[in-house]
C-alpha atoms as a PDB file:
ATOM      1  CA  UNK A   1      83.962  -9.107  11.084  1.00  0.00           C
ATOM      2  CA  UNK A   2      80.746  -9.022  13.087  1.00  0.00           C
ATOM      3  CA  UNK A   3      82.399  -9.002  16.487  1.00  0.00           C
ATOM      4  CA  UNK A   4      83.831  -5.849  18.095  1.00  0.00           C
ATOM      5  CA  UNK A   5      86.844  -4.171  16.484  1.00  0.00           C
ATOM      6  CA  UNK A   6      88.844  -4.586  19.637  1.00  0.00           C
ATOM      7  CA  UNK A   7      91.997  -2.927  18.302  1.00  0.00           C
ATOM      8  CA  UNK A   8      90.041   0.298  17.826  1.00  0.00           C
ATOM      9  CA  UNK A   9      89.172   0.679  21.517  1.00  0.00           C
ATOM     10  CA  UNK A  10      90.945   3.442  23.445  1.00  0.00           C
ATOM     11  CA  UNK A  11      89.858   2.280  26.910  1.00  0.00           C
ATOM     12  CA  UNK A  12      89.389  -1.311  28.039  1.00  0.00           C
ATOM     13  CA  UNK A  13      88.005  -1.756  31.542  1.00  0.00           C
ATOM     14  CA  UNK A  14      87.847  -5.277  32.916  1.00  0.00           C
ATOM     15  CA  UNK A  15      85.025  -5.667  35.450  1.00  0.00           C
ATOM     16  CA  UNK A  16      85.801  -8.473  37.916  1.00  0.00           C
ATOM     17  CA  UNK A  17      85.929 -11.826  36.064  1.00  0.00           C
ATOM     18  CA  UNK A  18      85.929  -9.831  32.833  1.00  0.00           C
ATOM     19  CA  UNK A  19      89.675  -9.769  33.442  1.00  0.00           C
ATOM     20  CA  UNK A  20      89.890 -13.486  32.616  1.00  0.00           C
ATOM     21  CA  UNK A  21      87.788 -12.921  29.505  1.00  0.00           C
ATOM     22  CA  UNK A  22      89.889  -9.940  28.369  1.00  0.00           C
ATOM     23  CA  UNK A  23      93.082 -11.946  28.754  1.00  0.00           C
ATOM     24  CA  UNK A  24      91.602 -14.880  26.814  1.00  0.00           C
ATOM     25  CA  UNK A  25      90.941 -12.439  23.947  1.00  0.00           C
ATOM     26  CA  UNK A  26      94.497 -11.097  24.091  1.00  0.00           C
ATOM     27  CA  UNK A  27      93.401  -7.711  25.453  1.00  0.00           C
ATOM     28  CA  UNK A  28      95.340  -5.652  27.974  1.00  0.00           C
ATOM     29  CA  UNK A  29      92.913  -3.726  30.197  1.00  0.00           C
ATOM     30  CA  UNK A  30      93.691  -0.094  30.889  1.00  0.00           C
ATOM     31  CA  UNK A  31      91.871  -0.361  34.248  1.00  0.00           C
ATOM     32  CA  UNK A  32      90.324  -3.036  36.486  1.00  0.00           C
ATOM     33  CA  UNK A  33      87.208  -2.556  38.589  1.00  0.00           C
ATOM     34  CA  UNK A  34      84.963  -4.597  40.882  1.00  0.00           C
ATOM     35  CA  UNK A  35      84.894  -6.505  44.137  1.00  0.00           C
ATOM     36  CA  UNK A  36      87.040  -9.201  42.496  1.00  0.00           C
ATOM     37  CA  UNK A  37      85.113 -12.072  44.061  1.00  0.00           C
ATOM     38  CA  UNK A  38      85.184 -13.978  40.753  1.00  0.00           C
ATOM     39  CA  UNK A  39      88.777 -13.443  39.657  1.00  0.00           C
ATOM     40  CA  UNK A  40      92.001 -15.076  40.763  1.00  0.00           C
ATOM     41  CA  UNK A  41      94.211 -12.814  42.873  1.00  0.00           C
ATOM     42  CA  UNK A  42      97.317 -13.839  40.962  1.00  0.00           C
ATOM     43  CA  UNK A  43      95.782 -12.326  37.812  1.00  0.00           C
ATOM     44  CA  UNK A  44      95.141  -9.030  39.609  1.00  0.00           C
ATOM     45  CA  UNK A  45      98.728  -9.039  40.900  1.00  0.00           C
ATOM     46  CA  UNK A  46      99.934  -8.700  37.301  1.00  0.00           C
ATOM     47  CA  UNK A  47      98.648  -5.089  37.221  1.00  0.00           C
ATOM     48  CA  UNK A  48      99.809  -1.948  39.047  1.00  0.00           C
ATOM     49  CA  UNK A  49      97.682  -0.769  41.986  1.00  0.00           C
ATOM     50  CA  UNK A  50      97.142   2.589  40.296  1.00  0.00           C
ATOM     51  CA  UNK A  51      94.781   1.073  37.680  1.00  0.00           C
ATOM     52  CA  UNK A  52      92.833  -1.149  40.120  1.00  0.00           C
ATOM     53  CA  UNK A  53      89.540   0.135  41.541  1.00  0.00           C
ATOM     54  CA  UNK A  54      88.455  -2.152  44.406  1.00  0.00           C
ATOM     55  CA  UNK A  55      84.911  -2.120  45.759  1.00  0.00           C
ATOM     56  CA  UNK A  56      83.371  -3.921  48.699  1.00  0.00           C
ATOM     57  CA  UNK A  57      81.193  -6.952  47.869  1.00  0.00           C
ATOM     58  CA  UNK A  58      78.246  -5.344  49.711  1.00  0.00           C
ATOM     59  CA  UNK A  59      77.361  -2.713  47.135  1.00  0.00           C
ATOM     60  CA  UNK A  60      74.308  -1.625  45.167  1.00  0.00           C
ATOM     61  CA  UNK A  61      75.921  -1.636  41.709  1.00  0.00           C
ATOM     62  CA  UNK A  62      77.047  -4.648  39.718  1.00  0.00           C
ATOM     63  CA  UNK A  63      80.671  -4.740  38.612  1.00  0.00           C
ATOM     64  CA  UNK A  64      79.477  -4.057  35.053  1.00  0.00           C
ATOM     65  CA  UNK A  65      77.647  -0.919  36.204  1.00  0.00           C
ATOM     66  CA  UNK A  66      80.792   0.263  37.949  1.00  0.00           C
ATOM     67  CA  UNK A  67      82.750  -0.351  34.762  1.00  0.00           C
ATOM     68  CA  UNK A  68      80.275   1.656  32.698  1.00  0.00           C
ATOM     69  CA  UNK A  69      80.373   4.529  35.199  1.00  0.00           C
ATOM     70  CA  UNK A  70      84.166   4.553  35.001  1.00  0.00           C
ATOM     71  CA  UNK A  71      84.067   4.539  31.180  1.00  0.00           C
ATOM     72  CA  UNK A  72      81.724   7.537  31.235  1.00  0.00           C
ATOM     73  CA  UNK A  73      84.101   9.350  33.623  1.00  0.00           C
ATOM     74  CA  UNK A  74      86.927   8.655  31.191  1.00  0.00           C
ATOM     75  CA  UNK A  75      84.931  10.298  28.402  1.00  0.00           C
ATOM     76  CA  UNK A  76      83.856   7.189  26.472  1.00  0.00           C
ATOM     77  CA  UNK A  77      81.286   8.070  23.818  1.00  0.00           C
ATOM     78  CA  UNK A  78      80.451   4.483  22.829  1.00  0.00           C
ATOM     79  CA  UNK A  79      80.356   1.575  25.231  1.00  0.00           C
ATOM     80  CA  UNK A  80      80.764  -2.064  24.228  1.00  0.00           C
ATOM     81  CA  UNK A  81      80.126  -4.813  26.780  1.00  0.00           C
ATOM     82  CA  UNK A  82      81.948  -8.045  25.965  1.00  0.00           C
ATOM     83  CA  UNK A  83      80.846 -11.166  27.828  1.00  0.00           C
ATOM     84  CA  UNK A  84      79.161 -10.707  31.166  1.00  0.00           C
ATOM     85  CA  UNK A  85      76.605 -12.576  33.171  1.00  0.00           C
ATOM     86  CA  UNK A  86      78.792 -15.507  34.151  1.00  0.00           C
ATOM     87  CA  UNK A  87      75.987 -17.870  33.108  1.00  0.00           C
ATOM     88  CA  UNK A  88      73.643 -16.519  35.785  1.00  0.00           C
ATOM     89  CA  UNK A  89      70.162 -15.587  34.588  1.00  0.00           C
ATOM     90  CA  UNK A  90      69.807 -12.758  37.128  1.00  0.00           C
ATOM     91  CA  UNK A  91      73.049 -11.190  35.872  1.00  0.00           C
ATOM     92  CA  UNK A  92      71.891 -11.543  32.261  1.00  0.00           C
ATOM     93  CA  UNK A  93      68.644  -9.736  33.100  1.00  0.00           C
ATOM     94  CA  UNK A  94      70.645  -7.052  34.911  1.00  0.00           C
ATOM     95  CA  UNK A  95      72.800  -6.522  31.820  1.00  0.00           C
ATOM     96  CA  UNK A  96      69.742  -6.342  29.585  1.00  0.00           C
ATOM     97  CA  UNK A  97      68.174  -3.825  31.971  1.00  0.00           C
ATOM     98  CA  UNK A  98      71.099  -1.465  31.356  1.00  0.00           C
ATOM     99  CA  UNK A  99      69.726  -0.882  27.840  1.00  0.00           C
ATOM    100  CA  UNK A 100      66.480   0.469  29.312  1.00  0.00           C
ATOM    101  CA  UNK A 101      68.325   3.290  31.052  1.00  0.00           C
ATOM    102  CA  UNK A 102      68.596   6.883  29.894  1.00  0.00           C
ATOM    103  CA  UNK A 103      72.284   6.574  28.942  1.00  0.00           C
ATOM    104  CA  UNK A 104      72.567   2.917  27.847  1.00  0.00           C
ATOM    105  CA  UNK A 105      75.527   0.998  26.435  1.00  0.00           C
ATOM    106  CA  UNK A 106      75.699   0.799  22.643  1.00  0.00           C
ATOM    107  CA  UNK A 107      76.656  -2.855  22.132  1.00  0.00           C
ATOM    108  CA  UNK A 108      76.797  -6.106  24.042  1.00  0.00           C
ATOM    109  CA  UNK A 109      78.640  -9.140  22.708  1.00  0.00           C
ATOM    110  CA  UNK A 110      77.963 -12.493  24.308  1.00  0.00           C
ATOM    111  CA  UNK A 111      79.743 -15.674  23.286  1.00  0.00           C
ATOM    112  CA  UNK A 112      77.390 -16.070  20.299  1.00  0.00           C
ATOM    113  CA  UNK A 113      75.250 -12.948  19.952  1.00  0.00           C
ATOM    114  CA  UNK A 114      75.593  -9.302  19.090  1.00  0.00           C
ATOM    115  CA  UNK A 115      73.106  -7.034  20.866  1.00  0.00           C
ATOM    116  CA  UNK A 116      72.902  -3.490  19.517  1.00  0.00           C
ATOM    117  CA  UNK A 117      71.022  -0.422  20.679  1.00  0.00           C
ATOM    118  CA  UNK A 118      68.846   1.029  17.903  1.00  0.00           C
ATOM    119  CA  UNK A 119      67.825   4.665  18.264  1.00  0.00           C
ATOM    120  CA  UNK A 120      67.375   7.494  15.805  1.00  0.00           C
ATOM    121  CA  UNK A 121      68.291   6.472  12.248  1.00  0.00           C
ATOM    122  CA  UNK A 122      70.866   3.724  11.774  1.00  0.00           C
ATOM    123  CA  UNK A 123      72.472   1.695   9.020  1.00  0.00           C
ATOM    124  CA  UNK A 124      73.464  -1.830  10.095  1.00  0.00           C
ATOM    125  CA  UNK A 125      75.339  -4.585   8.257  1.00  0.00           C
ATOM    126  CA  UNK A 126      74.543  -7.934   9.902  1.00  0.00           C
ATOM    127  CA  UNK A 127      74.949  -9.973   6.695  1.00  0.00           C
ATOM    128  CA  UNK A 128      72.448 -11.305   4.138  1.00  0.00           C
ATOM    129  CA  UNK A 129      70.245 -14.216   5.311  1.00  0.00           C
ATOM    130  CA  UNK A 130      71.161 -13.614   8.946  1.00  0.00           C
ATOM    131  CA  UNK A 131      68.334 -13.934  11.464  1.00  0.00           C
ATOM    132  CA  UNK A 132      67.729 -10.802  13.531  1.00  0.00           C
ATOM    133  CA  UNK A 133      65.327 -10.180  16.393  1.00  0.00           C
ATOM    134  CA  UNK A 134      64.042  -6.908  17.825  1.00  0.00           C
ATOM    135  CA  UNK A 135      62.826  -5.938  21.299  1.00  0.00           C
ATOM    136  CA  UNK A 136      61.402  -2.539  22.317  1.00  0.00           C
ATOM    137  CA  UNK A 137      62.991  -0.670  25.199  1.00  0.00           C
ATOM    138  CA  UNK A 138      61.355   1.580  27.744  1.00  0.00           C
ATOM    139  CA  UNK A 139      57.703   1.809  28.640  1.00  0.00           C
ATOM    140  CA  UNK A 140      56.253   3.908  25.808  1.00  0.00           C
ATOM    141  CA  UNK A 141      55.164   3.037  22.298  1.00  0.00           C
ATOM    142  CA  UNK A 142      57.837   2.015  19.817  1.00  0.00           C
ATOM    143  CA  UNK A 143      57.431   2.722  16.062  1.00  0.00           C
ATOM    144  CA  UNK A 144      59.946   2.382  13.264  1.00  0.00           C
ATOM    145  CA  UNK A 145      60.521   2.287   9.511  1.00  0.00           C
ATOM    146  CA  UNK A 146      62.812  -0.390   8.071  1.00  0.00           C
ATOM    147  CA  UNK A 147      64.369  -1.572   4.849  1.00  0.00           C
ATOM    148  CA  UNK A 148      66.512  -4.616   4.129  1.00  0.00           C
ATOM    149  CA  UNK A 149      64.393  -7.065   6.142  1.00  0.00           C
ATOM    150  CA  UNK A 150      62.160  -9.858   4.834  1.00  0.00           C
ATOM    151  CA  UNK A 151      59.321  -8.680   7.074  1.00  0.00           C
ATOM    152  CA  UNK A 152      59.260  -4.854   7.369  1.00  0.00           C
ATOM    153  CA  UNK A 153      58.419  -3.448  10.785  1.00  0.00           C
ATOM    154  CA  UNK A 154      56.852  -0.246   9.441  1.00  0.00           C
ATOM    155  CA  UNK A 155      53.239  -0.788  10.494  1.00  0.00           C
ATOM    156  CA  UNK A 156      53.990  -2.042  14.021  1.00  0.00           C
ATOM    157  CA  UNK A 157      53.289  -0.103  17.184  1.00  0.00           C
ATOM    158  CA  UNK A 158      55.136  -2.027  19.840  1.00  0.00           C
ATOM    159  CA  UNK A 159      54.774  -1.708  23.571  1.00  0.00           C
ATOM    160  CA  UNK A 160      56.459  -3.440  26.493  1.00  0.00           C
ATOM    161  CA  UNK A 161      56.247  -7.200  26.026  1.00  0.00           C
ATOM    162  CA  UNK A 162      56.094  -7.070  22.213  1.00  0.00           C
ATOM    163  CA  UNK A 163      58.964  -8.334  20.071  1.00  0.00           C
ATOM    164  CA  UNK A 164      59.917  -9.546  16.615  1.00  0.00           C
ATOM    165  CA  UNK A 165      61.824 -12.837  16.489  1.00  0.00           C
ATOM    166  CA  UNK A 166      63.835 -14.317  13.609  1.00  0.00           C
ATOM    167  CA  UNK A 167      63.393 -11.747  10.887  1.00  0.00           C
ATOM    168  CA  UNK A 168      65.685 -12.302   7.870  1.00  0.00           C
ATOM    169  CA  UNK A 169      68.180  -9.810   6.440  1.00  0.00           C
ATOM    170  CA  UNK A 170      67.664  -9.498   2.652  1.00  0.00           C
ATOM    171  CA  UNK A 171      70.177  -6.728   1.764  1.00  0.00           C
ATOM    172  CA  UNK A 172      73.776  -5.930   2.656  1.00  0.00           C
ATOM    173  CA  UNK A 173      72.486  -2.839   4.408  1.00  0.00           C
ATOM    174  CA  UNK A 174      69.607  -2.727   6.886  1.00  0.00           C
ATOM    175  CA  UNK A 175      68.172   0.724   7.523  1.00  0.00           C
ATOM    176  CA  UNK A 176      66.151   1.342  10.668  1.00  0.00           C
ATOM    177  CA  UNK A 177      64.603   4.712  11.383  1.00  0.00           C
ATOM    178  CA  UNK A 178      63.040   4.987  14.813  1.00  0.00           C
ATOM    179  CA  UNK A 179      59.927   7.142  14.672  1.00  0.00           C
ATOM    180  CA  UNK A 180      59.340   6.775  18.394  1.00  0.00           C
ATOM    181  CA  UNK A 181      61.187   4.978  21.180  1.00  0.00           C
ATOM    182  CA  UNK A 182      64.207   2.687  20.859  1.00  0.00           C
ATOM    183  CA  UNK A 183      64.952  -1.003  20.304  1.00  0.00           C
ATOM    184  CA  UNK A 184      67.623  -3.560  20.793  1.00  0.00           C
ATOM    185  CA  UNK A 185      68.520  -5.801  17.880  1.00  0.00           C
ATOM    186  CA  UNK A 186      69.931  -9.284  18.516  1.00  0.00           C
ATOM    187  CA  UNK A 187      71.674 -11.499  15.995  1.00  0.00           C
ATOM    188  CA  UNK A 188      73.832 -14.610  16.074  1.00  0.00           C
ATOM    189  CA  UNK A 189      77.527 -13.949  15.499  1.00  0.00           C
ATOM    190  CA  UNK A 190      78.082 -17.427  14.100  1.00  0.00           C
ATOM    191  CA  UNK A 191      81.051 -19.673  14.861  1.00  0.00           C
ATOM    192  CA  UNK A 192      83.583 -17.610  12.964  1.00  0.00           C
ATOM    193  CA  UNK A 193      83.004 -14.499  15.064  1.00  0.00           C
ATOM    194  CA  UNK A 194      82.236 -15.955  18.475  1.00  0.00           C
ATOM    195  CA  UNK A 195      83.956 -14.377  21.422  1.00  0.00           C
END
């Protein structure tokens, strides 16, 4: 399965309309957070007040940011974002910007894509013949060593604005060793694993 192993999660925080999404996936959130301007009140009423964290609409953080902060307070070591953006381009950019931060999320699953933070040395299993794309994060130079891809990225010295689109996975296992900086990798989940 390429999508998140949802049964393995200890904490599930639904941020605003993420409550609707969680319920559609059969998940029971452990806590709710947000200004709840995009969720039906009757859905919120199904949960005890003690797990609901209400915020005013006039705030600096997005509901997703608030959810991530709460996960960190609860001791989460890995953070998966499922859904998000609500179809708004500004919200999608905001979510992507979270990966540029010092303590970024680890994964983001949209309806069709898996976005994964790549830092240090990692082994990844996207599936043979799958198309994968890479984007550098941060402002400094990004260098890496790879195996398992049709077009190795070893000789590249990426900077902000560079990217590698539609590389092809050639082995069961893709190894990426970051020599400098960090990346995000994006690949299509395919119909069978769409969220």
